Structures are given as structure tokens and as C-alpha cells.
Amino acid sequence: MLKKYKQGDKIYIQGIRTWKELVKIVMEAKAAGYSYMGYDEIPQIGYAAVFKKQLEAVSRKENKR
């Protein structure tokens, strides 16, 4: 079961069991404007995937157009 935590501009998701599940979550987060930062140990939570809110001007492809 996935547990989601939000702290400022970051979201932590705990309980990811497979690569396929991770890819699905990363794609959903990307569509919602978050980027995957990695998997880390968070002091209050434990191990979790870390997502950070993207800024509007982050996309390089859009800036080249």
C-alpha cells in the first residue's frame, strides 16, 4: 500500500514495490508537474521516493522553440 506525504514543494511516496510501479508513479507525477529526484531515507518517514515540484521554466525543450 502506498503512503504519500507532502512537505513544502516535495512529495514523498513510500511503499513502491516494483520498477513497473515506480515508472507508473513517475509518469503520473510528471503529468502533475513534479520531477522524480530519487529514492532516499527520510528521517521521519523512512525510505521513500522523492518528487519535487517543477518550475515553469525548467523544460529545456520548450525554451528552444
N, C-alpha and C. Protein backbone atom coordinates (compact mmCIF):
# COMPACT_ATOMS: atom_id res chain seq x y z
N MET A 1 0.84 -1.18 0.00
CA MET A 1 0.00 0.00 0.00
C MET A 1 0.89 1.24 0.00
N LEU A 2 0.58 2.17 -0.87
CA LEU A 2 1.36 3.40 -0.98
C LEU A 2 0.94 4.41 0.08
N LYS A 3 1.94 5.05 0.66
CA LYS A 3 1.69 6.13 1.61
C LYS A 3 2.31 7.38 1.02
N LYS A 4 1.55 8.47 0.97
CA LYS A 4 2.02 9.72 0.39
C LYS A 4 2.13 10.78 1.47
N TYR A 5 3.24 11.51 1.44
CA TYR A 5 3.49 12.60 2.37
C TYR A 5 3.86 13.83 1.57
N LYS A 6 3.41 14.99 2.00
CA LYS A 6 3.75 16.23 1.32
C LYS A 6 4.41 17.17 2.32
N GLN A 7 5.53 17.77 1.88
CA GLN A 7 6.25 18.71 2.74
C GLN A 7 6.78 19.83 1.84
N GLY A 8 6.17 20.98 1.90
CA GLY A 8 6.56 22.10 1.05
C GLY A 8 6.32 21.79 -0.41
N ASP A 9 7.37 21.90 -1.23
CA ASP A 9 7.24 21.61 -2.66
C ASP A 9 7.66 20.18 -3.00
N LYS A 10 7.82 19.33 -1.99
CA LYS A 10 8.22 17.95 -2.21
C LYS A 10 7.11 16.98 -1.80
N ILE A 11 7.04 15.87 -2.52
CA ILE A 11 6.12 14.78 -2.18
C ILE A 11 6.96 13.53 -1.98
N TYR A 12 6.67 12.78 -0.93
CA TYR A 12 7.35 11.53 -0.65
C TYR A 12 6.34 10.39 -0.78
N ILE A 13 6.71 9.34 -1.50
CA ILE A 13 5.82 8.20 -1.66
C ILE A 13 6.56 6.96 -1.18
N GLN A 14 5.94 6.29 -0.21
CA GLN A 14 6.54 5.13 0.43
C GLN A 14 5.72 3.89 0.07
N GLY A 15 6.40 2.77 -0.11
CA GLY A 15 5.71 1.51 -0.35
C GLY A 15 5.74 1.05 -1.79
N ILE A 16 6.61 1.62 -2.62
CA ILE A 16 6.73 1.19 -4.01
C ILE A 16 7.49 -0.14 -4.01
N ARG A 17 6.90 -1.15 -4.66
CA ARG A 17 7.48 -2.49 -4.60
C ARG A 17 8.20 -2.92 -5.87
N THR A 18 7.79 -2.44 -7.03
CA THR A 18 8.40 -2.92 -8.27
C THR A 18 8.81 -1.74 -9.15
N TRP A 19 9.70 -2.02 -10.11
CA TRP A 19 10.12 -0.99 -11.06
C TRP A 19 8.94 -0.52 -11.89
N LYS A 20 8.08 -1.44 -12.26
CA LYS A 20 6.91 -1.09 -13.08
C LYS A 20 6.01 -0.11 -12.32
N GLU A 21 5.84 -0.36 -11.04
CA GLU A 21 5.03 0.53 -10.20
C GLU A 21 5.71 1.90 -10.08
N LEU A 22 7.03 1.92 -9.94
CA LEU A 22 7.77 3.18 -9.85
C LEU A 22 7.62 3.99 -11.13
N VAL A 23 7.75 3.33 -12.29
CA VAL A 23 7.62 4.02 -13.57
C VAL A 23 6.23 4.64 -13.71
N LYS A 24 5.21 3.91 -13.32
CA LYS A 24 3.83 4.41 -13.39
C LYS A 24 3.68 5.66 -12.53
N ILE A 25 4.22 5.63 -11.32
CA ILE A 25 4.11 6.76 -10.39
C ILE A 25 4.90 7.96 -10.91
N VAL A 26 6.10 7.70 -11.47
CA VAL A 26 6.91 8.79 -12.02
C VAL A 26 6.19 9.47 -13.18
N MET A 27 5.55 8.70 -14.05
CA MET A 27 4.82 9.29 -15.18
C MET A 27 3.61 10.11 -14.71
N GLU A 28 2.91 9.60 -13.70
CA GLU A 28 1.77 10.35 -13.14
C GLU A 28 2.25 11.65 -12.49
N ALA A 29 3.35 11.58 -11.77
CA ALA A 29 3.89 12.77 -11.11
C ALA A 29 4.37 13.79 -12.14
N LYS A 30 4.98 13.31 -13.22
CA LYS A 30 5.45 14.21 -14.27
C LYS A 30 4.28 14.95 -14.90
N ALA A 31 3.18 14.24 -15.12
CA ALA A 31 1.98 14.87 -15.69
C ALA A 31 1.40 15.92 -14.73
N ALA A 32 1.61 15.72 -13.43
CA ALA A 32 1.11 16.65 -12.42
C ALA A 32 2.09 17.80 -12.14
N GLY A 33 3.26 17.80 -12.83
CA GLY A 33 4.21 18.89 -12.66
C GLY A 33 5.31 18.62 -11.66
N TYR A 34 5.54 17.37 -11.30
CA TYR A 34 6.60 17.00 -10.37
C TYR A 34 7.69 16.23 -11.10
N SER A 35 8.92 16.33 -10.62
CA SER A 35 10.01 15.56 -11.20
C SER A 35 10.54 14.60 -10.14
N TYR A 36 10.97 13.43 -10.59
CA TYR A 36 11.49 12.39 -9.70
C TYR A 36 12.92 12.74 -9.32
N MET A 37 13.19 12.84 -8.03
CA MET A 37 14.52 13.21 -7.54
C MET A 37 15.34 12.00 -7.11
N GLY A 38 14.69 10.88 -6.82
CA GLY A 38 15.41 9.69 -6.39
C GLY A 38 14.72 9.02 -5.22
N TYR A 39 15.40 8.02 -4.70
CA TYR A 39 14.89 7.25 -3.58
C TYR A 39 15.82 7.50 -2.42
N ASP A 40 15.31 7.93 -1.27
CA ASP A 40 16.17 8.34 -0.18
C ASP A 40 15.55 7.98 1.17
N GLU A 41 16.37 7.99 2.20
CA GLU A 41 15.87 7.76 3.56
C GLU A 41 15.51 9.10 4.17
N ILE A 42 14.24 9.27 4.51
CA ILE A 42 13.73 10.50 5.10
C ILE A 42 13.62 10.26 6.61
N PRO A 43 14.18 11.14 7.45
CA PRO A 43 14.23 10.89 8.89
C PRO A 43 12.90 10.50 9.56
N GLN A 44 11.81 11.21 9.30
CA GLN A 44 10.54 10.91 9.97
C GLN A 44 9.76 9.79 9.29
N ILE A 45 10.08 9.49 8.03
CA ILE A 45 9.26 8.57 7.24
C ILE A 45 9.93 7.22 7.03
N GLY A 46 11.21 7.22 6.71
CA GLY A 46 11.92 6.01 6.30
C GLY A 46 12.28 6.15 4.83
N TYR A 47 12.43 5.03 4.12
CA TYR A 47 12.78 5.08 2.71
C TYR A 47 11.56 5.43 1.86
N ALA A 48 11.73 6.38 0.94
CA ALA A 48 10.62 6.83 0.10
C ALA A 48 11.16 7.44 -1.19
N ALA A 49 10.33 7.42 -2.22
CA ALA A 49 10.65 8.10 -3.47
C ALA A 49 10.37 9.59 -3.27
N VAL A 50 11.27 10.43 -3.78
CA VAL A 50 11.17 11.87 -3.58
C VAL A 50 10.83 12.55 -4.91
N PHE A 51 9.80 13.38 -4.89
CA PHE A 51 9.38 14.14 -6.07
C PHE A 51 9.38 15.61 -5.69
N LYS A 52 9.85 16.46 -6.60
CA LYS A 52 9.90 17.90 -6.34
C LYS A 52 9.10 18.63 -7.41
N LYS A 53 8.37 19.65 -7.00
CA LYS A 53 7.56 20.46 -7.91
C LYS A 53 8.47 21.17 -8.89
N GLN A 54 8.16 21.05 -10.19
CA GLN A 54 8.96 21.71 -11.23
C GLN A 54 8.56 23.16 -11.38
N LEU A 55 9.52 23.98 -11.71
CA LEU A 55 9.23 25.36 -12.03
C LEU A 55 8.79 25.43 -13.48
N GLU A 56 8.12 26.49 -13.86
CA GLU A 56 7.59 26.62 -15.22
C GLU A 56 8.69 26.66 -16.27
N ALA A 57 9.83 27.28 -15.98
CA ALA A 57 10.88 27.47 -16.99
C ALA A 57 11.91 26.35 -16.99
N VAL A 58 11.64 25.23 -16.37
CA VAL A 58 12.62 24.15 -16.27
C VAL A 58 12.78 23.40 -17.58
N SER A 59 11.74 23.25 -18.35
CA SER A 59 11.78 22.45 -19.57
C SER A 59 12.67 23.09 -20.62
N ARG A 60 13.74 22.40 -21.00
CA ARG A 60 14.68 22.92 -21.99
C ARG A 60 14.09 22.85 -23.39
N LYS A 61 13.28 21.83 -23.67
CA LYS A 61 12.70 21.69 -25.00
C LYS A 61 11.80 22.87 -25.34
N GLU A 62 11.03 23.34 -24.36
CA GLU A 62 10.14 24.47 -24.60
C GLU A 62 10.93 25.76 -24.79
N ASN A 63 12.07 25.89 -24.13
CA ASN A 63 12.87 27.10 -24.25
C ASN A 63 13.56 27.20 -25.61
N LYS A 64 13.82 26.08 -26.27
CA LYS A 64 14.49 26.07 -27.56
C LYS A 64 13.54 26.46 -28.70
N ARG A 65 12.25 26.36 -28.50
CA ARG A 65 11.29 26.65 -29.56
C ARG A 65 11.15 28.11 -29.84
